[in-house]
Amino acid sequence: MKAEIAVPDGARHTRILGVGAYRPRSVVDNAEVCRYIDSSDEWIRSRTGIVTRRWAGPDETLGVMAEQAASKAIAAAGLTPDRITCVIAATFTHLMQTPAVATEIAHRIGATEAAAFDITAGCAGFVHGVVLASDAVRARGGYVLVVGVERMTDLLDLSDRSTAFIFGDGAGAVVIGPSDTPGIGPVVWGADGSQADAIEQTAPWDVLKDDPGHAFPALRQDGQRVFRWAVYEMAKVAKQALDVAGVGPADLDTFIPHQANERIIDSMAKSIGLPPEVTVAKDIVTNGNTSGASIPQAMEAVLASGEANSGDTALLLGYGSGLSYAAVVATLP
């Protein structure tokens, strides 16, 4: 008789149990950025809403920033690190091909028996991580740490007027675990690879091996193309995520989109039909675009400021290079 494969007992429902964030010490205003590009504080504010951003110092590595955010999230969840069963790091600025930075994070926080791996989906990576974590908890129980962490300045060309003023560094983390009631809805996700060149690295890493004198690869993007895609396509994705979760715009308490551009955020909120009483996260103003870290950082910010509350129903929407996207309705910790 053929043996039957055992199936682990998981959780019926999941939710976000805690959130934490780390913002680098150095606050960089628009005047500082304009030392490198031909622009102005007024132009940057009017086009993006950004007033300041944080740039990491040499000692604020991905591992250091992730450890700080993760430790806060674990404490907020009322757990100790040894109870974390898996660590997922969403990042595309880890400059080592291997090992995954998630393994360093797990070691740093003391999650010595946790599985650990990285995912690369650009600015959409964190929401991908949340969905994978939720499914992992439903499959086998336990508690999963999801960290979005980026050092965008490692891939910035400060003379590039299309990117230099947009991005910042930092980390944000959440812990996902079992719940008695539904706390994370179905995901709507995808990618439009036909537009992969809208946001890309200027050259692959092997160019440095073949031509040591080549400029270090940097991030580039077609800003207008990405803007149009985000405004028109991501509003549709947001509505789909609400529909599959059985939630209407008026049922939302908070909207936490990727912090790419304040004008994009405002346009999406209008297209979705959000009532004025819905809190719309705008961490972009003081923190810049931190890619995979932007959504958990924005979540931590609206909760810390009292603009949102534990138990609120929130829509999380990530989008970026690929062009990848993911949206999910979740209950705030």
Protein backbone atom coordinates (compact mmCIF):
# COMPACT_ATOMS: atom_id res chain seq x y z
CA MET A 1 0.00 0.00 0.00
CA LYS A 2 1.38 3.38 -1.01
CA ALA A 3 2.17 5.69 1.92
CA GLU A 4 0.08 8.83 2.23
CA ILE A 5 2.00 12.08 2.58
CA ALA A 6 1.25 13.78 5.89
CA VAL A 7 -0.15 17.31 5.72
CA PRO A 8 0.84 19.79 8.47
CA ASP A 9 -1.82 21.49 10.53
CA GLY A 10 -1.87 25.23 9.89
CA ALA A 11 -4.01 28.18 10.84
CA ARG A 12 -7.42 28.80 9.34
CA HIS A 13 -6.94 32.58 9.37
CA THR A 14 -3.99 34.97 9.59
CA ARG A 15 -3.33 38.59 10.44
CA ILE A 16 -0.58 41.15 10.94
CA LEU A 17 0.36 41.05 14.62
CA GLY A 18 3.00 43.78 14.85
CA VAL A 19 4.83 46.38 12.81
CA GLY A 20 8.16 48.17 13.18
CA ALA A 21 10.29 50.59 11.17
CA TYR A 22 13.80 52.01 11.01
CA ARG A 23 14.67 55.31 9.37
CA PRO A 24 18.35 56.25 8.88
CA ARG A 25 19.82 59.07 10.94
CA SER A 26 20.63 61.41 8.05
CA VAL A 27 17.71 63.62 6.95
CA VAL A 28 18.34 64.97 3.45
CA ASP A 29 16.28 67.92 2.26
CA ASN A 30 15.65 68.98 -1.31
CA ALA A 31 18.30 71.68 -1.19
CA GLU A 32 20.92 69.02 -0.49
CA VAL A 33 19.74 66.88 -3.42
CA CYS A 34 19.81 69.92 -5.72
CA ARG A 35 23.56 70.14 -5.18
CA TYR A 36 23.79 67.17 -7.55
CA ILE A 37 21.05 67.93 -10.09
CA ASP A 38 19.60 70.97 -11.85
CA SER A 39 16.34 71.27 -9.91
CA SER A 40 14.71 73.15 -7.04
CA ASP A 41 12.82 72.52 -3.84
CA GLU A 42 9.66 73.93 -5.42
CA TRP A 43 9.92 71.67 -8.49
CA ILE A 44 10.50 68.52 -6.43
CA ARG A 45 7.64 69.28 -4.05
CA SER A 46 5.20 70.07 -6.86
CA ARG A 47 6.05 66.95 -8.88
CA THR A 48 6.37 64.39 -6.07
CA GLY A 49 5.37 65.89 -2.72
CA ILE A 50 8.78 64.98 -1.29
CA VAL A 51 10.26 67.41 1.24
CA THR A 52 12.91 65.18 2.85
CA ARG A 53 14.24 61.66 2.61
CA ARG A 54 16.64 59.53 4.69
CA TRP A 55 20.00 58.35 3.37
CA ALA A 56 21.82 55.58 5.21
CA GLY A 57 25.33 55.99 6.54
CA PRO A 58 28.07 53.40 6.02
CA ASP A 59 27.18 51.65 9.29
CA GLU A 60 23.47 51.49 8.46
CA THR A 61 23.64 48.34 6.37
CA LEU A 62 20.65 46.32 5.16
CA GLY A 63 21.19 43.89 8.03
CA VAL A 64 21.46 46.63 10.66
CA MET A 65 18.36 48.50 9.48
CA ALA A 66 16.34 45.30 9.09
CA GLU A 67 17.32 44.13 12.57
CA GLN A 68 16.05 47.36 14.12
CA ALA A 69 12.71 47.25 12.28
CA ALA A 70 12.27 43.52 12.87
CA SER A 71 12.98 43.72 16.60
CA LYS A 72 10.31 46.41 16.98
CA ALA A 73 7.77 44.38 15.00
CA ILE A 74 8.42 41.24 17.03
CA ALA A 75 8.10 43.14 20.32
CA ALA A 76 4.88 44.80 19.11
CA ALA A 77 3.50 41.34 18.31
CA GLY A 78 4.21 40.25 21.89
CA LEU A 79 6.65 37.57 20.78
CA THR A 80 10.27 36.63 21.30
CA PRO A 81 12.59 36.05 18.32
CA ASP A 82 12.83 32.30 18.94
CA ARG A 83 9.15 31.98 17.98
CA ILE A 84 9.75 33.28 14.45
CA THR A 85 9.59 30.30 12.09
CA CYS A 86 10.44 32.06 8.82
CA VAL A 87 12.06 35.33 7.71
CA ILE A 88 11.21 36.82 4.32
CA ALA A 89 13.21 39.83 3.15
CA ALA A 90 11.82 41.96 0.31
CA THR A 91 14.74 43.86 -1.23
CA PHE A 92 16.48 44.49 -4.53
CA THR A 93 19.41 46.49 -3.17
CA HIS A 94 21.25 43.56 -1.56
CA LEU A 95 24.49 43.72 -3.54
CA MET A 96 25.58 40.17 -2.78
CA GLN A 97 24.09 37.50 -5.02
CA THR A 98 24.37 35.02 -2.16
CA PRO A 99 23.68 34.42 0.69
CA ALA A 100 20.26 35.99 1.10
CA VAL A 101 20.19 38.94 3.47
CA ALA A 102 17.23 37.24 5.20
CA THR A 103 19.68 34.73 6.66
CA GLU A 104 21.69 37.56 8.20
CA ILE A 105 18.51 39.14 9.56
CA ALA A 106 17.40 35.86 11.15
CA HIS A 107 20.81 35.49 12.80
CA ARG A 108 20.87 39.09 14.01
CA ILE A 109 17.46 38.86 15.72
CA GLY A 110 18.09 35.42 17.20
CA ALA A 111 15.63 33.44 15.09
CA THR A 112 18.13 30.62 14.91
CA GLU A 113 15.79 27.90 13.64
CA ALA A 114 13.82 29.99 11.15
CA ALA A 115 13.76 29.45 7.41
CA ALA A 116 15.06 32.55 5.63
CA PHE A 117 14.98 33.77 2.04
CA ASP A 118 14.82 36.93 -0.09
CA ILE A 119 12.28 37.92 -2.71
CA THR A 120 12.90 40.46 -5.45
CA ALA A 121 9.85 42.23 -6.81
CA GLY A 122 11.00 45.83 -6.52
CA CYS A 123 8.59 48.20 -4.86
CA ALA A 124 5.88 45.50 -4.87
CA GLY A 125 8.05 43.05 -2.94
CA PHE A 126 6.70 43.71 0.54
CA VAL A 127 3.09 42.90 -0.36
CA HIS A 128 4.28 39.76 -2.13
CA GLY A 129 6.03 38.85 1.12
CA VAL A 130 2.90 39.44 3.19
CA VAL A 131 0.90 37.12 0.94
CA LEU A 132 3.57 34.39 1.00
CA ALA A 133 3.82 34.71 4.79
CA SER A 134 0.05 34.46 5.22
CA ASP A 135 -0.07 31.32 3.08
CA ALA A 136 2.86 29.81 5.02
CA VAL A 137 1.07 30.36 8.34
CA ARG A 138 -2.11 28.85 6.96
CA ALA A 139 -0.12 25.86 5.72
CA ARG A 140 1.90 25.07 8.84
CA GLY A 141 1.23 27.62 11.58
CA GLY A 142 4.00 29.55 13.29
CA TYR A 143 4.97 33.19 12.92
CA VAL A 144 6.56 34.74 9.84
CA LEU A 145 8.60 37.94 9.80
CA VAL A 146 8.40 40.00 6.61
CA VAL A 147 10.98 42.76 6.23
CA GLY A 148 11.12 45.35 3.48
CA VAL A 149 14.61 46.84 3.51
CA GLU A 150 16.46 48.98 0.97
CA ARG A 151 19.61 51.05 0.58
CA MET A 152 18.46 52.82 -2.56
CA THR A 153 21.44 55.16 -2.42
CA ASP A 154 23.71 52.22 -3.32
CA LEU A 155 22.07 52.14 -6.75
CA LEU A 156 21.47 55.85 -7.29
CA ASP A 157 23.23 57.99 -9.84
CA LEU A 158 23.04 61.32 -8.00
CA SER A 159 23.48 63.18 -11.29
CA ASP A 160 20.37 61.53 -12.80
CA ARG A 161 17.62 64.14 -12.60
CA SER A 162 14.91 61.48 -13.00
CA THR A 163 15.85 59.44 -9.91
CA ALA A 164 18.26 61.28 -7.59
CA PHE A 165 15.60 63.22 -5.67
CA ILE A 166 13.02 60.43 -5.35
CA PHE A 167 14.57 57.65 -3.33
CA GLY A 168 15.50 57.08 0.28
CA ASP A 169 16.77 54.26 2.49
CA GLY A 170 15.23 52.39 5.39
CA ALA A 171 13.44 49.30 6.67
CA GLY A 172 9.97 48.26 7.74
CA ALA A 173 8.78 44.93 9.12
CA VAL A 174 5.65 43.05 10.13
CA VAL A 175 4.98 39.77 11.91
CA ILE A 176 2.22 37.57 10.51
CA GLY A 177 0.64 34.82 12.55
CA PRO A 178 -2.54 32.85 13.26
CA SER A 179 -5.84 34.61 13.87
CA ASP A 180 -9.31 33.58 15.04
CA THR A 181 -10.86 35.78 12.37
CA PRO A 182 -9.84 36.70 8.80
CA GLY A 183 -7.16 39.40 8.84
CA ILE A 184 -5.56 39.12 5.41
CA GLY A 185 -7.69 38.86 2.26
CA PRO A 186 -7.06 37.30 -1.14
CA VAL A 187 -4.29 38.81 -3.22
CA VAL A 188 -4.54 40.42 -6.64
CA TRP A 189 -1.11 40.35 -8.22
CA GLY A 190 0.68 40.17 -11.53
CA ALA A 191 3.36 41.68 -13.74
CA ASP A 192 3.58 43.34 -17.14
CA GLY A 193 6.95 42.14 -18.39
CA SER A 194 6.45 43.95 -21.69
CA GLN A 195 7.26 47.14 -19.77
CA ALA A 196 10.15 45.76 -17.75
CA ASP A 197 12.47 48.40 -19.18
CA ALA A 198 10.45 51.22 -17.60
CA ILE A 199 12.39 50.71 -14.36
CA GLU A 200 15.69 48.89 -14.62
CA GLN A 201 19.33 48.69 -13.71
CA THR A 202 21.51 50.51 -16.23
CA ALA A 203 23.78 47.47 -16.72
CA PRO A 204 24.07 43.92 -15.37
CA TRP A 205 26.68 43.18 -12.72
CA ASP A 206 28.88 41.21 -15.11
CA VAL A 207 29.74 44.40 -16.97
CA LEU A 208 32.09 45.17 -14.06
CA LYS A 209 33.90 41.89 -14.63
CA ASP A 210 34.14 42.37 -18.38
CA ASP A 211 34.95 46.08 -18.18
CA PRO A 212 36.34 47.12 -14.75
CA GLY A 213 36.34 50.75 -15.85
CA HIS A 214 32.60 50.78 -16.53
CA ALA A 215 30.42 53.05 -14.39
CA PHE A 216 28.81 51.26 -11.46
CA PRO A 217 25.30 50.04 -12.43
CA ALA A 218 22.55 52.39 -11.28
CA LEU A 219 18.78 52.53 -11.19
CA ARG A 220 17.01 54.29 -14.05
CA GLN A 221 13.34 54.80 -14.80
CA ASP A 222 11.02 56.35 -17.35
CA GLY A 223 9.14 58.50 -14.87
CA GLN A 224 6.25 59.60 -17.08
CA ARG A 225 5.65 56.07 -18.34
CA VAL A 226 5.57 54.66 -14.82
CA PHE A 227 3.35 57.53 -13.66
CA ARG A 228 0.72 56.83 -16.34
CA TRP A 229 0.80 53.09 -15.73
CA ALA A 230 0.45 53.48 -11.96
CA VAL A 231 -2.37 56.01 -12.10
CA TYR A 232 -4.53 54.10 -14.58
CA GLU A 233 -3.68 50.45 -14.02
CA MET A 234 -3.12 50.34 -10.27
CA ALA A 235 -6.49 51.93 -9.50
CA LYS A 236 -8.03 48.95 -11.31
CA VAL A 237 -5.92 46.52 -9.28
CA ALA A 238 -6.96 48.26 -6.07
CA LYS A 239 -10.64 47.91 -6.96
CA GLN A 240 -10.12 44.22 -7.77
CA ALA A 241 -8.48 43.64 -4.39
CA LEU A 242 -11.43 45.28 -2.66
CA ASP A 243 -13.88 43.18 -4.68
CA VAL A 244 -12.24 39.82 -3.92
CA ALA A 245 -12.07 40.74 -0.23
CA GLY A 246 -15.76 41.67 -0.21
CA VAL A 247 -14.96 45.20 0.90
CA GLY A 248 -16.15 48.45 -0.64
CA PRO A 249 -14.27 51.78 -0.68
CA ALA A 250 -16.54 53.09 2.09
CA ASP A 251 -15.62 50.09 4.28
CA LEU A 252 -11.95 51.01 4.28
CA ASP A 253 -10.36 52.89 7.14
CA THR A 254 -6.90 53.28 5.66
CA PHE A 255 -5.20 53.18 2.26
CA ILE A 256 -1.48 52.36 2.34
CA PRO A 257 -0.07 52.35 -1.19
CA HIS A 258 3.56 52.19 -2.22
CA GLN A 259 5.05 55.61 -1.53
CA ALA A 260 6.18 56.45 -5.06
CA ASN A 261 4.75 59.91 -5.64
CA GLU A 262 2.15 62.00 -3.81
CA ARG A 263 0.39 62.88 -7.08
CA ILE A 264 0.03 59.17 -7.93
CA ILE A 265 -1.35 58.48 -4.45
CA ASP A 266 -3.93 61.28 -4.73
CA SER A 267 -4.97 60.20 -8.23
CA MET A 268 -5.44 56.58 -7.17
CA ALA A 269 -7.46 57.54 -4.11
CA LYS A 270 -9.77 59.57 -6.32
CA SER A 271 -10.09 56.82 -8.95
CA ILE A 272 -10.86 54.19 -6.32
CA GLY A 273 -13.57 56.45 -4.92
CA LEU A 274 -12.27 56.64 -1.36
CA PRO A 275 -14.43 58.78 0.96
CA PRO A 276 -12.64 61.77 2.54
CA GLU A 277 -12.65 60.12 5.97
CA VAL A 278 -10.37 57.29 4.78
CA THR A 279 -6.80 57.86 5.95
CA VAL A 280 -4.37 57.90 3.02
CA ALA A 281 -0.76 57.21 4.02
CA LYS A 282 1.72 59.79 2.72
CA ASP A 283 5.04 58.86 4.26
CA ILE A 284 6.52 59.91 0.91
CA VAL A 285 6.58 63.54 2.09
CA THR A 286 9.21 63.06 4.78
CA ASN A 287 10.71 59.70 3.88
CA GLY A 288 10.91 59.64 0.08
CA ASN A 289 10.41 56.48 -1.94
CA THR A 290 12.01 53.57 -0.07
CA SER A 291 10.85 50.91 -2.53
CA GLY A 292 10.21 47.59 -0.75
CA ALA A 293 10.35 49.31 2.66
CA SER A 294 7.80 52.01 1.86
CA ILE A 295 4.55 50.25 2.76
CA PRO A 296 5.56 48.90 6.20
CA GLN A 297 7.20 52.24 7.02
CA ALA A 298 4.02 54.06 6.02
CA MET A 299 1.94 51.61 8.06
CA GLU A 300 4.07 52.22 11.12
CA ALA A 301 3.86 55.99 10.59
CA VAL A 302 0.04 56.23 10.37
CA LEU A 303 -0.35 54.01 13.43
CA ALA A 304 2.24 55.94 15.44
CA SER A 305 0.65 59.28 14.55
CA GLY A 306 -2.89 58.13 15.44
CA GLU A 307 -4.12 58.66 11.87
CA ALA A 308 -4.93 54.94 11.86
CA ASN A 309 -5.77 52.52 14.64
CA SER A 310 -5.27 48.89 15.49
CA GLY A 311 -8.07 46.87 13.93
CA ASP A 312 -8.58 49.24 11.02
CA THR A 313 -9.30 47.75 7.62
CA ALA A 314 -6.53 48.75 5.22
CA LEU A 315 -5.75 48.30 1.55
CA LEU A 316 -2.06 47.60 0.85
CA LEU A 317 -0.96 48.21 -2.73
CA GLY A 318 2.59 47.73 -4.02
CA TYR A 319 3.83 48.29 -7.55
CA GLY A 320 7.09 48.93 -9.35
CA SER A 321 9.84 47.38 -11.45
CA GLY A 322 8.83 44.44 -13.53
CA LEU A 323 6.30 46.05 -13.88
CA SER A 324 5.08 44.03 -10.87
CA TYR A 325 2.16 44.69 -8.57
CA ALA A 326 0.30 43.17 -5.61
CA ALA A 327 -2.68 44.36 -3.57
CA VAL A 328 -4.38 42.91 -0.52
CA VAL A 329 -6.88 44.01 2.14
CA ALA A 330 -5.60 43.50 5.70
CA THR A 331 -6.44 44.37 9.27
CA LEU A 332 -3.89 46.68 10.91
CA PRO A 333 -2.08 45.39 14.02
